[in-house]
Amino acid sequence: MSEDRITVDELKFMSIFSEVTGATPIRCIVEEESGKLLFLVSKGELGKAVGRNGRNIRVLSELFKRSVEVYEYSDNIEEMVRNLFPGVRILEVSVSDRGEEKLVSIRAKEEDKGKAIGRNGKNVKRASMILSKVFGNCRVIVK
């Protein structure tokens, strides 16, 4: 994990998340732009965190009065990248060091590129932010 510190608010969110879902949160990240809460959960606990038919996510969204998203954590950066793009068929993930920054290149199926990038690049920005919090300074590009 990177040296990025978890805030007191993030700790509170993680505690409530754990109580509601029974899943183990590894990290909570508040997305500054949208105010969304992004949770990373232990491997194999994504279903438990989301709940039957998304029940836990709805309960948490109402409690926090914010949108909530959950991703499965991995300490392998390539696996983590795949987890951050659900529903996108990723053909290849390559990571290269560029001085202080890691460049994460994702090659997605042609018909999934738009989904991977998101409107105004929001999915790429979100993935870059999450990966930077966990693995140090990262920049994501979709090819």
Protein backbone atom coordinates (compact mmCIF):
# COMPACT_ATOMS: atom_id res chain seq x y z
CA MET A 1 0.00 0.00 0.00
CA SER A 2 1.11 3.56 -0.58
CA GLU A 3 1.94 6.07 2.10
CA ASP A 4 -1.31 7.97 1.48
CA ARG A 5 -2.99 8.34 4.87
CA ILE A 6 -6.56 7.37 5.64
CA THR A 7 -8.54 10.29 7.07
CA VAL A 8 -10.72 10.16 10.18
CA ASP A 9 -13.84 10.52 8.00
CA GLU A 10 -12.73 7.60 5.82
CA LEU A 11 -12.22 5.49 8.98
CA LYS A 12 -15.77 6.33 10.11
CA PHE A 13 -17.16 5.39 6.70
CA MET A 14 -15.22 2.11 6.81
CA SER A 15 -16.56 1.26 10.26
CA ILE A 16 -20.18 1.84 9.22
CA PHE A 17 -19.59 -0.03 5.94
CA SER A 18 -18.28 -3.04 7.87
CA GLU A 19 -21.25 -3.02 10.28
CA VAL A 20 -23.84 -2.83 7.48
CA THR A 21 -22.27 -5.34 5.07
CA GLY A 22 -20.22 -7.69 7.22
CA ALA A 23 -17.46 -7.34 4.62
CA THR A 24 -13.93 -6.19 5.43
CA PRO A 25 -13.11 -2.81 3.89
CA ILE A 26 -9.44 -2.37 2.98
CA ARG A 27 -9.81 1.28 2.04
CA CYS A 28 -12.39 4.04 1.63
CA ILE A 29 -11.72 6.86 -0.80
CA VAL A 30 -13.85 9.97 -1.09
CA GLU A 31 -13.99 11.09 -4.70
CA GLU A 32 -13.56 14.88 -4.43
CA GLU A 33 -15.28 15.79 -7.70
CA SER A 34 -18.54 13.87 -7.18
CA GLY A 35 -18.49 13.18 -3.43
CA LYS A 36 -18.88 9.45 -4.13
CA LEU A 37 -17.58 6.95 -1.60
CA LEU A 38 -15.40 4.26 -3.14
CA PHE A 39 -14.71 1.19 -1.02
CA LEU A 40 -12.10 -1.48 -1.64
CA VAL A 41 -13.00 -4.80 0.00
CA SER A 42 -11.05 -7.97 0.69
CA LYS A 43 -10.75 -10.54 -2.06
CA GLY A 44 -13.86 -12.71 -2.31
CA GLU A 45 -16.08 -10.30 -0.32
CA LEU A 46 -17.52 -8.21 -3.15
CA GLY A 47 -20.83 -10.11 -3.22
CA LYS A 48 -21.17 -9.87 0.54
CA ALA A 49 -20.46 -6.12 0.39
CA VAL A 50 -23.00 -5.44 -2.36
CA GLY A 51 -25.68 -7.67 -0.82
CA ARG A 52 -28.56 -9.48 -2.48
CA ASN A 53 -29.86 -7.36 -5.37
CA GLY A 54 -27.59 -4.47 -4.25
CA ARG A 55 -29.41 -4.06 -0.95
CA ASN A 56 -26.31 -3.09 1.07
CA ILE A 57 -25.28 -0.46 -1.47
CA ARG A 58 -28.76 1.13 -1.33
CA VAL A 59 -28.72 1.13 2.50
CA LEU A 60 -25.24 2.69 2.58
CA SER A 61 -26.15 5.31 -0.03
CA GLU A 62 -29.13 6.37 2.09
CA LEU A 63 -27.08 6.38 5.31
CA PHE A 64 -24.21 8.40 3.85
CA LYS A 65 -26.45 10.47 1.55
CA ARG A 66 -23.90 9.83 -1.19
CA SER A 67 -23.38 7.44 -4.03
CA VAL A 68 -21.39 4.32 -3.04
CA GLU A 69 -19.27 2.05 -5.23
CA VAL A 70 -17.44 -1.10 -4.18
CA TYR A 71 -14.43 -2.76 -5.82
CA GLU A 72 -12.48 -5.87 -4.90
CA TYR A 73 -8.94 -5.10 -3.68
CA SER A 74 -5.85 -6.86 -4.95
CA ASP A 75 -2.21 -6.18 -4.09
CA ASN A 76 -1.38 -7.10 -7.70
CA ILE A 77 -1.73 -3.92 -9.76
CA GLU A 78 -2.81 -5.74 -12.95
CA GLU A 79 -5.55 -7.65 -11.14
CA MET A 80 -6.62 -4.45 -9.36
CA VAL A 81 -6.95 -2.67 -12.72
CA ARG A 82 -9.23 -5.44 -13.99
CA ASN A 83 -11.35 -5.12 -10.83
CA LEU A 84 -11.74 -1.36 -11.40
CA PHE A 85 -13.29 -1.87 -14.83
CA PRO A 86 -16.20 -4.31 -14.32
CA GLY A 87 -17.96 -5.23 -17.54
CA VAL A 88 -15.02 -4.12 -19.69
CA ARG A 89 -13.23 -6.88 -21.57
CA ILE A 90 -9.59 -6.06 -20.96
CA LEU A 91 -7.15 -7.77 -23.30
CA GLU A 92 -3.93 -6.57 -21.70
CA VAL A 93 -2.63 -4.49 -18.80
CA SER A 94 0.94 -3.25 -18.81
CA VAL A 95 2.66 -1.24 -16.12
CA SER A 96 5.83 0.76 -16.68
CA ASP A 97 7.75 3.04 -14.34
CA ARG A 98 8.25 6.60 -15.51
CA GLY A 99 10.40 8.06 -12.77
CA GLU A 100 8.09 8.84 -9.83
CA GLU A 101 4.99 7.74 -11.77
CA LYS A 102 3.66 4.36 -12.88
CA LEU A 103 2.06 4.38 -16.32
CA VAL A 104 -0.75 1.81 -16.52
CA SER A 105 -1.75 1.02 -20.11
CA ILE A 106 -4.98 -0.87 -20.68
CA ARG A 107 -5.83 -2.50 -23.99
CA ALA A 108 -9.58 -3.12 -24.10
CA LYS A 109 -11.75 -4.75 -26.76
CA GLU A 110 -12.59 -2.15 -29.40
CA GLU A 111 -16.31 -2.12 -28.51
CA ASP A 112 -15.52 -1.64 -24.79
CA LYS A 113 -13.13 1.32 -25.10
CA GLY A 114 -15.83 3.94 -24.59
CA LYS A 115 -17.11 2.13 -21.51
CA ALA A 116 -13.56 1.90 -20.14
CA ILE A 117 -12.88 5.61 -20.65
CA GLY A 118 -16.30 6.85 -19.49
CA ARG A 119 -17.95 10.20 -20.17
CA ASN A 120 -15.30 12.93 -20.15
CA GLY A 121 -12.74 10.29 -19.05
CA LYS A 122 -14.33 9.83 -15.61
CA ASN A 123 -13.60 6.08 -15.38
CA VAL A 124 -9.93 6.57 -16.27
CA LYS A 125 -9.62 9.45 -13.77
CA ARG A 126 -11.27 7.36 -11.04
CA ALA A 127 -8.99 4.38 -11.73
CA SER A 128 -5.92 6.65 -11.69
CA MET A 129 -6.99 8.14 -8.36
CA ILE A 130 -7.68 4.76 -6.72
CA LEU A 131 -4.46 3.19 -8.02
CA SER A 132 -2.48 6.25 -6.86
CA LYS A 133 -3.92 5.94 -3.35
CA VAL A 134 -3.03 2.24 -3.20
CA PHE A 135 0.16 1.86 -5.27
CA GLY A 136 1.65 5.35 -5.38
CA ASN A 137 1.49 7.89 -8.22
CA CYS A 138 -0.25 6.18 -11.19
CA ARG A 139 -1.58 7.38 -14.52
CA VAL A 140 -4.00 5.21 -16.50
CA ILE A 141 -4.42 5.27 -20.27
CA VAL A 142 -6.75 3.18 -22.43
CA LYS A 143 -5.54 2.03 -25.83
